C-alpha atoms as a PDB file:
ATOM      1  CA  UNK A   1      40.705  73.267  20.636  1.00  0.00           C
ATOM      2  CA  UNK A   2      41.474  69.957  19.017  1.00  0.00           C
ATOM      3  CA  UNK A   3      41.037  66.739  20.944  1.00  0.00           C
ATOM      4  CA  UNK A   4      44.442  65.626  19.545  1.00  0.00           C
ATOM      5  CA  UNK A   5      46.202  67.941  22.000  1.00  0.00           C
ATOM      6  CA  UNK A   6      45.548  65.533  24.837  1.00  0.00           C
ATOM      7  CA  UNK A   7      45.238  66.085  28.547  1.00  0.00           C
ATOM      8  CA  UNK A   8      47.457  68.247  30.676  1.00  0.00           C
ATOM      9  CA  UNK A   9      49.320  71.322  29.571  1.00  0.00           C
ATOM     10  CA  UNK A  10      49.654  71.162  25.796  1.00  0.00           C
ATOM     11  CA  UNK A  11      52.769  73.408  25.922  1.00  0.00           C
ATOM     12  CA  UNK A  12      54.640  70.545  27.644  1.00  0.00           C
ATOM     13  CA  UNK A  13      54.595  68.706  24.295  1.00  0.00           C
ATOM     14  CA  UNK A  14      56.328  71.477  22.348  1.00  0.00           C
ATOM     15  CA  UNK A  15      59.881  72.653  21.934  1.00  0.00           C
ATOM     16  CA  UNK A  16      60.391  76.331  22.624  1.00  0.00           C
ATOM     17  CA  UNK A  17      60.295  78.770  19.711  1.00  0.00           C
ATOM     18  CA  UNK A  18      63.784  79.778  18.758  1.00  0.00           C
ATOM     19  CA  UNK A  19      65.208  76.294  19.251  1.00  0.00           C
ATOM     20  CA  UNK A  20      66.525  73.818  16.701  1.00  0.00           C
ATOM     21  CA  UNK A  21      65.971  70.240  17.843  1.00  0.00           C
ATOM     22  CA  UNK A  22      67.005  67.928  14.988  1.00  0.00           C
ATOM     23  CA  UNK A  23      65.547  64.893  16.781  1.00  0.00           C
ATOM     24  CA  UNK A  24      62.100  66.510  16.553  1.00  0.00           C
ATOM     25  CA  UNK A  25      62.293  67.327  12.832  1.00  0.00           C
ATOM     26  CA  UNK A  26      61.922  65.227   9.680  1.00  0.00           C
ATOM     27  CA  UNK A  27      65.071  64.265   7.820  1.00  0.00           C
ATOM     28  CA  UNK A  28      65.667  66.486   4.767  1.00  0.00           C
ATOM     29  CA  UNK A  29      64.165  64.774   1.745  1.00  0.00           C
ATOM     30  CA  UNK A  30      65.035  64.569  -1.951  1.00  0.00           C
ATOM     31  CA  UNK A  31      63.737  68.071  -2.773  1.00  0.00           C
ATOM     32  CA  UNK A  32      66.446  69.486  -0.513  1.00  0.00           C
ATOM     33  CA  UNK A  33      69.199  67.112  -1.663  1.00  0.00           C
ATOM     34  CA  UNK A  34      72.255  68.774  -3.193  1.00  0.00           C
ATOM     35  CA  UNK A  35      71.348  72.117  -1.596  1.00  0.00           C
ATOM     36  CA  UNK A  36      72.472  73.926   1.532  1.00  0.00           C
ATOM     37  CA  UNK A  37      70.063  72.492   4.169  1.00  0.00           C
ATOM     38  CA  UNK A  38      69.506  75.011   6.898  1.00  0.00           C
ATOM     39  CA  UNK A  39      70.371  74.007  10.449  1.00  0.00           C
ATOM     40  CA  UNK A  40      70.697  75.716  13.804  1.00  0.00           C
ATOM     41  CA  UNK A  41      70.147  79.476  13.870  1.00  0.00           C
ATOM     42  CA  UNK A  42      69.681  79.631  10.111  1.00  0.00           C
ATOM     43  CA  UNK A  43      66.792  77.147  10.272  1.00  0.00           C
ATOM     44  CA  UNK A  44      65.305  78.937  13.281  1.00  0.00           C
ATOM     45  CA  UNK A  45      65.369  82.325  11.534  1.00  0.00           C
ATOM     46  CA  UNK A  46      63.661  80.985   8.392  1.00  0.00           C
ATOM     47  CA  UNK A  47      61.126  79.064  10.432  1.00  0.00           C
ATOM     48  CA  UNK A  48      60.240  82.115  12.525  1.00  0.00           C
ATOM     49  CA  UNK A  49      59.531  83.944   9.266  1.00  0.00           C
ATOM     50  CA  UNK A  50      57.311  80.996   8.230  1.00  0.00           C
ATOM     51  CA  UNK A  51      55.403  81.302  11.509  1.00  0.00           C
ATOM     52  CA  UNK A  52      54.795  85.018  10.901  1.00  0.00           C
ATOM     53  CA  UNK A  53      53.722  84.474   7.289  1.00  0.00           C
ATOM     54  CA  UNK A  54      51.447  81.578   8.188  1.00  0.00           C
ATOM     55  CA  UNK A  55      49.829  83.672  10.897  1.00  0.00           C
ATOM     56  CA  UNK A  56      49.297  86.560   8.483  1.00  0.00           C
ATOM     57  CA  UNK A  57      47.788  84.315   5.821  1.00  0.00           C
ATOM     58  CA  UNK A  58      45.915  81.863   8.076  1.00  0.00           C
ATOM     59  CA  UNK A  59      47.910  78.709   7.299  1.00  0.00           C
ATOM     60  CA  UNK A  60      46.593  76.490  10.086  1.00  0.00           C
ATOM     61  CA  UNK A  61      46.452  72.748  10.528  1.00  0.00           C
ATOM     62  CA  UNK A  62      42.810  72.199  11.427  1.00  0.00           C
ATOM     63  CA  UNK A  63      43.509  68.714  12.849  1.00  0.00           C
ATOM     64  CA  UNK A  64      45.721  70.130  15.599  1.00  0.00           C
ATOM     65  CA  UNK A  65      44.227  73.636  15.710  1.00  0.00           C
ATOM     66  CA  UNK A  66      47.483  75.561  15.377  1.00  0.00           C
ATOM     67  CA  UNK A  67      49.639  77.580  12.982  1.00  0.00           C
ATOM     68  CA  UNK A  68      51.276  75.020  10.697  1.00  0.00           C
ATOM     69  CA  UNK A  69      54.757  76.271  11.699  1.00  0.00           C
ATOM     70  CA  UNK A  70      54.134  74.969  15.225  1.00  0.00           C
ATOM     71  CA  UNK A  71      54.253  71.381  13.898  1.00  0.00           C
ATOM     72  CA  UNK A  72      58.044  71.645  13.822  1.00  0.00           C
ATOM     73  CA  UNK A  73      57.983  72.057  17.592  1.00  0.00           C
ATOM     74  CA  UNK A  74      55.401  69.360  18.353  1.00  0.00           C
ATOM     75  CA  UNK A  75      57.342  66.564  20.078  1.00  0.00           C
ATOM     76  CA  UNK A  76      54.515  64.128  19.445  1.00  0.00           C
ATOM     77  CA  UNK A  77      55.305  64.230  15.700  1.00  0.00           C
ATOM     78  CA  UNK A  78      59.110  64.224  15.476  1.00  0.00           C
ATOM     79  CA  UNK A  79      59.159  63.158  11.820  1.00  0.00           C
ATOM     80  CA  UNK A  80      56.752  65.872  10.611  1.00  0.00           C
ATOM     81  CA  UNK A  81      57.139  69.536   9.706  1.00  0.00           C
ATOM     82  CA  UNK A  82      59.224  71.712   7.443  1.00  0.00           C
ATOM     83  CA  UNK A  83      62.905  71.501   6.490  1.00  0.00           C
ATOM     84  CA  UNK A  84      64.571  74.222   4.436  1.00  0.00           C
ATOM     85  CA  UNK A  85      67.497  74.621   2.043  1.00  0.00           C
ATOM     86  CA  UNK A  86      68.857  77.472  -0.020  1.00  0.00           C
ATOM     87  CA  UNK A  87      69.658  77.087  -3.673  1.00  0.00           C
ATOM     88  CA  UNK A  88      73.092  78.195  -4.851  1.00  0.00           C
ATOM     89  CA  UNK A  89      73.339  81.944  -4.528  1.00  0.00           C
ATOM     90  CA  UNK A  90      70.909  82.028  -1.575  1.00  0.00           C
ATOM     91  CA  UNK A  91      68.120  83.932  -3.369  1.00  0.00           C
ATOM     92  CA  UNK A  92      65.749  80.940  -3.636  1.00  0.00           C
ATOM     93  CA  UNK A  93      64.490  79.025  -0.591  1.00  0.00           C
ATOM     94  CA  UNK A  94      63.315  75.403  -0.841  1.00  0.00           C
ATOM     95  CA  UNK A  95      60.899  74.102   1.763  1.00  0.00           C
ATOM     96  CA  UNK A  96      59.849  70.476   2.074  1.00  0.00           C
ATOM     97  CA  UNK A  97      56.821  69.626   4.194  1.00  0.00           C
ATOM     98  CA  UNK A  98      56.478  66.192   5.773  1.00  0.00           C
ATOM     99  CA  UNK A  99      52.934  65.636   7.095  1.00  0.00           C
ATOM    100  CA  UNK A 100      52.261  63.574  10.179  1.00  0.00           C
ATOM    101  CA  UNK A 101      50.855  60.679   8.114  1.00  0.00           C
ATOM    102  CA  UNK A 102      51.229  59.412   4.553  1.00  0.00           C
ATOM    103  CA  UNK A 103      47.480  59.879   4.053  1.00  0.00           C
ATOM    104  CA  UNK A 104      47.249  63.426   5.436  1.00  0.00           C
ATOM    105  CA  UNK A 105      44.075  64.794   3.842  1.00  0.00           C
ATOM    106  CA  UNK A 106      45.353  68.349   4.199  1.00  0.00           C
ATOM    107  CA  UNK A 107      48.688  67.779   2.458  1.00  0.00           C
ATOM    108  CA  UNK A 108      47.731  69.602  -0.721  1.00  0.00           C
ATOM    109  CA  UNK A 109      45.957  72.511   1.001  1.00  0.00           C
ATOM    110  CA  UNK A 110      48.754  73.014   3.531  1.00  0.00           C
ATOM    111  CA  UNK A 111      51.552  73.044   0.966  1.00  0.00           C
ATOM    112  CA  UNK A 112      49.644  75.290  -1.437  1.00  0.00           C
ATOM    113  CA  UNK A 113      48.854  77.595   1.481  1.00  0.00           C
ATOM    114  CA  UNK A 114      52.519  77.653   2.472  1.00  0.00           C
ATOM    115  CA  UNK A 115      53.480  78.513  -1.112  1.00  0.00           C
ATOM    116  CA  UNK A 116      50.946  81.326  -1.256  1.00  0.00           C
ATOM    117  CA  UNK A 117      52.031  82.715   2.132  1.00  0.00           C
ATOM    118  CA  UNK A 118      55.751  82.752   1.308  1.00  0.00           C
ATOM    119  CA  UNK A 119      55.420  84.083  -2.207  1.00  0.00           C
ATOM    120  CA  UNK A 120      52.407  86.313  -1.638  1.00  0.00           C
ATOM    121  CA  UNK A 121      54.197  88.139   1.179  1.00  0.00           C
ATOM    122  CA  UNK A 122      57.610  88.367  -0.525  1.00  0.00           C
ATOM    123  CA  UNK A 123      58.214  91.792   1.024  1.00  0.00           C
ATOM    124  CA  UNK A 124      58.506  90.077   4.399  1.00  0.00           C
ATOM    125  CA  UNK A 125      61.643  88.063   3.547  1.00  0.00           C
ATOM    126  CA  UNK A 126      64.842  88.256   1.521  1.00  0.00           C
ATOM    127  CA  UNK A 127      64.182  85.433  -0.984  1.00  0.00           C
ATOM    128  CA  UNK A 128      63.255  86.075  -4.612  1.00  0.00           C
ATOM    129  CA  UNK A 129      60.958  83.072  -4.435  1.00  0.00           C
ATOM    130  CA  UNK A 130      60.209  80.112  -2.271  1.00  0.00           C
ATOM    131  CA  UNK A 131      59.726  76.647  -3.726  1.00  0.00           C
ATOM    132  CA  UNK A 132      57.526  74.242  -1.702  1.00  0.00           C
ATOM    133  CA  UNK A 133      57.062  70.485  -2.024  1.00  0.00           C
ATOM    134  CA  UNK A 134      55.464  67.746   0.001  1.00  0.00           C
ATOM    135  CA  UNK A 135      57.695  64.832   1.019  1.00  0.00           C
ATOM    136  CA  UNK A 136      57.490  61.718  -1.197  1.00  0.00           C
ATOM    137  CA  UNK A 137      56.086  59.745   1.748  1.00  0.00           C
ATOM    138  CA  UNK A 138      52.696  61.428   1.175  1.00  0.00           C
ATOM    139  CA  UNK A 139      50.375  59.197  -0.798  1.00  0.00           C
ATOM    140  CA  UNK A 140      49.559  61.962  -3.299  1.00  0.00           C
ATOM    141  CA  UNK A 141      53.043  63.520  -3.450  1.00  0.00           C
ATOM    142  CA  UNK A 142      53.346  63.267  -7.232  1.00  0.00           C
ATOM    143  CA  UNK A 143      50.066  65.037  -7.901  1.00  0.00           C
ATOM    144  CA  UNK A 144      50.546  67.641  -5.154  1.00  0.00           C
ATOM    145  CA  UNK A 145      54.109  68.391  -6.244  1.00  0.00           C
ATOM    146  CA  UNK A 146      53.019  68.721  -9.896  1.00  0.00           C
ATOM    147  CA  UNK A 147      50.434  71.297  -8.791  1.00  0.00           C
ATOM    148  CA  UNK A 148      53.048  73.146  -6.738  1.00  0.00           C
ATOM    149  CA  UNK A 149      55.482  73.133  -9.707  1.00  0.00           C
ATOM    150  CA  UNK A 150      52.746  74.597 -11.888  1.00  0.00           C
ATOM    151  CA  UNK A 151      52.009  77.351  -9.358  1.00  0.00           C
ATOM    152  CA  UNK A 152      55.730  78.027  -9.054  1.00  0.00           C
ATOM    153  CA  UNK A 153      56.185  78.234 -12.830  1.00  0.00           C
ATOM    154  CA  UNK A 154      53.285  80.717 -13.185  1.00  0.00           C
ATOM    155  CA  UNK A 155      54.727  82.784 -10.353  1.00  0.00           C
ATOM    156  CA  UNK A 156      58.209  82.729 -11.873  1.00  0.00           C
ATOM    157  CA  UNK A 157      56.910  83.738 -15.323  1.00  0.00           C
ATOM    158  CA  UNK A 158      54.366  86.388 -14.273  1.00  0.00           C
ATOM    159  CA  UNK A 159      55.331  87.473 -10.761  1.00  0.00           C
ATOM    160  CA  UNK A 160      51.727  86.749  -9.812  1.00  0.00           C
ATOM    161  CA  UNK A 161      50.232  83.921  -7.817  1.00  0.00           C
ATOM    162  CA  UNK A 162      47.232  82.377  -9.601  1.00  0.00           C
ATOM    163  CA  UNK A 163      43.827  83.202  -8.103  1.00  0.00           C
ATOM    164  CA  UNK A 164      43.509  81.222  -4.875  1.00  0.00           C
ATOM    165  CA  UNK A 165      39.855  80.421  -5.473  1.00  0.00           C
ATOM    166  CA  UNK A 166      40.477  79.174  -9.019  1.00  0.00           C
ATOM    167  CA  UNK A 167      40.485  75.603 -10.342  1.00  0.00           C
ATOM    168  CA  UNK A 168      43.884  74.734  -8.824  1.00  0.00           C
ATOM    169  CA  UNK A 169      42.462  74.827  -5.323  1.00  0.00           C
ATOM    170  CA  UNK A 170      38.923  73.751  -6.036  1.00  0.00           C
ATOM    171  CA  UNK A 171      37.672  77.028  -4.525  1.00  0.00           C
ATOM    172  CA  UNK A 172      38.893  76.016  -1.075  1.00  0.00           C
ATOM    173  CA  UNK A 173      40.928  79.134  -0.435  1.00  0.00           C
ATOM    174  CA  UNK A 174      44.491  79.074   0.917  1.00  0.00           C
ATOM    175  CA  UNK A 175      44.472  76.116   3.217  1.00  0.00           C
ATOM    176  CA  UNK A 176      42.232  73.770   5.062  1.00  0.00           C
ATOM    177  CA  UNK A 177      40.772  75.832   7.846  1.00  0.00           C
ATOM    178  CA  UNK A 178      42.208  79.150   6.662  1.00  0.00           C
ATOM    179  CA  UNK A 179      40.588  82.525   7.036  1.00  0.00           C
ATOM    180  CA  UNK A 180      40.214  82.393   3.268  1.00  0.00           C
ATOM    181  CA  UNK A 181      37.295  80.023   3.729  1.00  0.00           C
ATOM    182  CA  UNK A 182      38.986  76.676   3.325  1.00  0.00           C
ATOM    183  CA  UNK A 183      37.408  73.529   4.687  1.00  0.00           C
ATOM    184  CA  UNK A 184      39.062  70.261   5.597  1.00  0.00           C
ATOM    185  CA  UNK A 185      38.700  67.504   2.996  1.00  0.00           C
END
C-alpha cells in the first residue's frame, strides 16, 4: 500500500462510488469544450464503466496504489481525475484526464492505458470509440496528446489498437504498474 494514503482509514478520504461531487472533480478542459459534458448520473454511469474497464486491463496509478478511476473520488486531489463529454450524436465519448500534478511522470502511461482499456474492450460499452487526452496543465500535454491522436487515428482507420509493446509505449505495456508489465518512469 502506498505511503501517500496517510494514516487512519483511507476510505474516509474518498467519496462513495455512485456519487457525483463536482467540487471533487477537475473542471472540464478544452478537449471537452463545445461538447455535452456529462454530469450527475450520466457521469457516474460512464465513470463506473471506466472503473470496470480499468480493473479488467490493470490501469492503476502506482503512486497511490489504486485503480485510476478511484482518483475521481479521492478528496485529497479535488482537481484531478477524469471528466467526460459526448460528441454530437452520442456515439463518441471524449475523456480528459487531469493528473494530480503538472509533472506527473505517469501522465503518458495512464492516458495511453485508459485509451487501450476503453477501445480494447469496446464490447463493454455503447460508444463506437473513446477519445482520450491529458489536460493542458500537464507539462508534456502536447507530446502526450499527439501520441494519443496517433493511436486514435490508427484505431479509427483500422479498428485495431497498435501493439501495446511497440515503439509508441517504449515496451512499457499498458500503464505504469499494469499487469502488462509496465513500470513507473
